[in-house]
Amino acid sequence: MIWDHNKDLIVNWAKVILGDANAAKYAWGVAYHRYAGDLFDSLSATHDAFPNTPMVATECSVRDTWAEAERMAHEIIGRPQPLVGRLFNVEPHHRPSGRPLS
């Protein structure tokens, strides 16, 4: 996985790394975080440039509020269709209570 950071510069770095055949052979896919705003156009541009490269959201934390849960739902619903279903929440420790939202 390359990038594994916010969506704002994802297409730039994907073009640098995946556009270089010597570097691209070491990259399985592109990882990104939901932070820094929607930027769904950046995800679409990256997917359009490299349609056969998997893209995975690796950080999309939810804290103990419904507002955070709504933001996560917005992220999932708003993503371009080819990317739906690729989300890994690797930060469950951000929920202070450790309990599910209720």
Protein backbone atom coordinates (compact mmCIF):
# COMPACT_ATOMS: atom_id res chain seq x y z
CA MET A 1 0.00 0.00 0.00
CA ILE A 2 1.19 3.47 -0.83
CA TRP A 3 0.23 6.88 0.54
CA ASP A 4 -1.85 5.95 3.66
CA HIS A 5 -2.60 9.56 4.45
CA ASN A 6 -5.32 12.17 3.82
CA LYS A 7 -7.13 12.38 0.48
CA ASP A 8 -5.91 15.86 -0.45
CA LEU A 9 -2.72 14.76 -2.29
CA ILE A 10 -3.63 11.18 -3.11
CA VAL A 11 -3.78 11.59 -6.89
CA ASN A 12 -0.42 13.40 -6.99
CA TRP A 13 1.39 10.65 -5.14
CA ALA A 14 -0.41 7.88 -6.99
CA LYS A 15 0.79 9.36 -10.28
CA VAL A 16 4.37 9.64 -9.00
CA ILE A 17 4.55 6.10 -7.64
CA LEU A 18 2.12 4.10 -9.80
CA GLY A 19 3.20 6.00 -12.89
CA ASP A 20 6.73 4.66 -12.44
CA ALA A 21 6.85 1.01 -13.53
CA ASN A 22 9.83 0.28 -11.26
CA ALA A 23 8.05 1.66 -8.19
CA ALA A 24 4.55 0.41 -9.10
CA LYS A 25 5.57 -3.24 -8.98
CA TYR A 26 6.00 -2.89 -5.21
CA ALA A 27 2.59 -1.33 -4.62
CA TRP A 28 -0.52 -3.48 -4.17
CA GLY A 29 -2.84 -0.51 -3.77
CA VAL A 30 -3.46 2.98 -2.44
CA ALA A 31 -4.47 3.60 1.18
CA TYR A 32 -6.10 6.81 2.41
CA HIS A 33 -7.68 8.43 5.46
CA ARG A 34 -11.03 10.19 5.62
CA TYR A 35 -9.64 13.31 7.21
CA ALA A 36 -9.08 16.70 5.46
CA GLY A 37 -12.62 16.91 4.08
CA ASP A 38 -14.66 15.08 1.48
CA LEU A 39 -12.34 15.36 -1.51
CA PHE A 40 -14.28 12.63 -3.30
CA ASP A 41 -13.05 14.14 -6.58
CA SER A 42 -9.49 13.22 -5.57
CA LEU A 43 -10.54 9.62 -5.02
CA SER A 44 -12.33 9.54 -8.38
CA ALA A 45 -9.33 11.04 -10.19
CA THR A 46 -7.01 8.47 -8.62
CA HIS A 47 -9.33 5.61 -9.50
CA ASP A 48 -9.76 6.91 -13.06
CA ALA A 49 -5.99 7.15 -13.52
CA PHE A 50 -5.36 3.66 -12.08
CA PRO A 51 -8.62 1.67 -12.34
CA ASN A 52 -6.97 -1.70 -11.64
CA THR A 53 -5.30 -0.56 -8.43
CA PRO A 54 -7.23 -1.24 -5.22
CA MET A 55 -7.99 1.77 -3.03
CA VAL A 56 -8.67 1.23 0.66
CA ALA A 57 -9.74 3.65 3.40
CA THR A 58 -7.53 2.70 6.32
CA GLU A 59 -8.60 5.30 8.88
CA CYS A 60 -12.15 6.39 9.51
CA SER A 61 -12.42 6.63 13.26
CA VAL A 62 -15.66 7.03 15.15
CA ARG A 63 -15.65 8.48 18.62
CA ASP A 64 -18.49 8.31 21.13
CA THR A 65 -20.86 10.69 19.38
CA TRP A 66 -23.56 10.37 16.78
CA ALA A 67 -22.00 13.30 14.91
CA GLU A 68 -18.89 11.18 14.37
CA ALA A 69 -21.01 8.22 13.27
CA GLU A 70 -22.84 10.47 10.81
CA ARG A 71 -19.51 11.70 9.42
CA MET A 72 -18.41 8.11 8.91
CA ALA A 73 -21.67 7.27 7.14
CA HIS A 74 -21.21 10.34 4.92
CA GLU A 75 -17.73 9.11 4.05
CA ILE A 76 -18.97 5.67 3.11
CA ILE A 77 -21.99 6.91 1.12
CA GLY A 78 -20.12 9.75 -0.57
CA ARG A 79 -17.21 7.72 -1.91
CA PRO A 80 -17.18 6.97 -5.63
CA GLN A 81 -19.05 3.75 -6.43
CA PRO A 82 -15.99 1.63 -7.37
CA LEU A 83 -14.57 2.25 -3.90
CA VAL A 84 -17.62 1.29 -1.85
CA GLY A 85 -16.93 -1.62 0.46
CA ARG A 86 -13.24 -0.98 0.98
CA LEU A 87 -12.91 0.41 4.47
CA PHE A 88 -10.76 -0.69 7.36
CA ASN A 89 -11.18 1.10 10.67
CA VAL A 90 -7.84 0.56 12.31
CA GLU A 91 -8.34 2.96 15.20
CA PRO A 92 -10.91 1.56 17.64
CA HIS A 93 -8.81 2.88 20.53
CA HIS A 94 -10.11 6.41 19.85
CA ARG A 95 -13.42 5.58 21.55
CA PRO A 96 -12.69 6.37 25.21
CA SER A 97 -15.45 4.16 26.57
CA GLY A 98 -14.64 1.20 24.33
CA ARG A 99 -18.40 0.64 23.99
CA PRO A 100 -20.40 0.71 20.78
CA LEU A 101 -22.47 3.79 20.08
CA SER A 102 -25.94 3.49 21.58
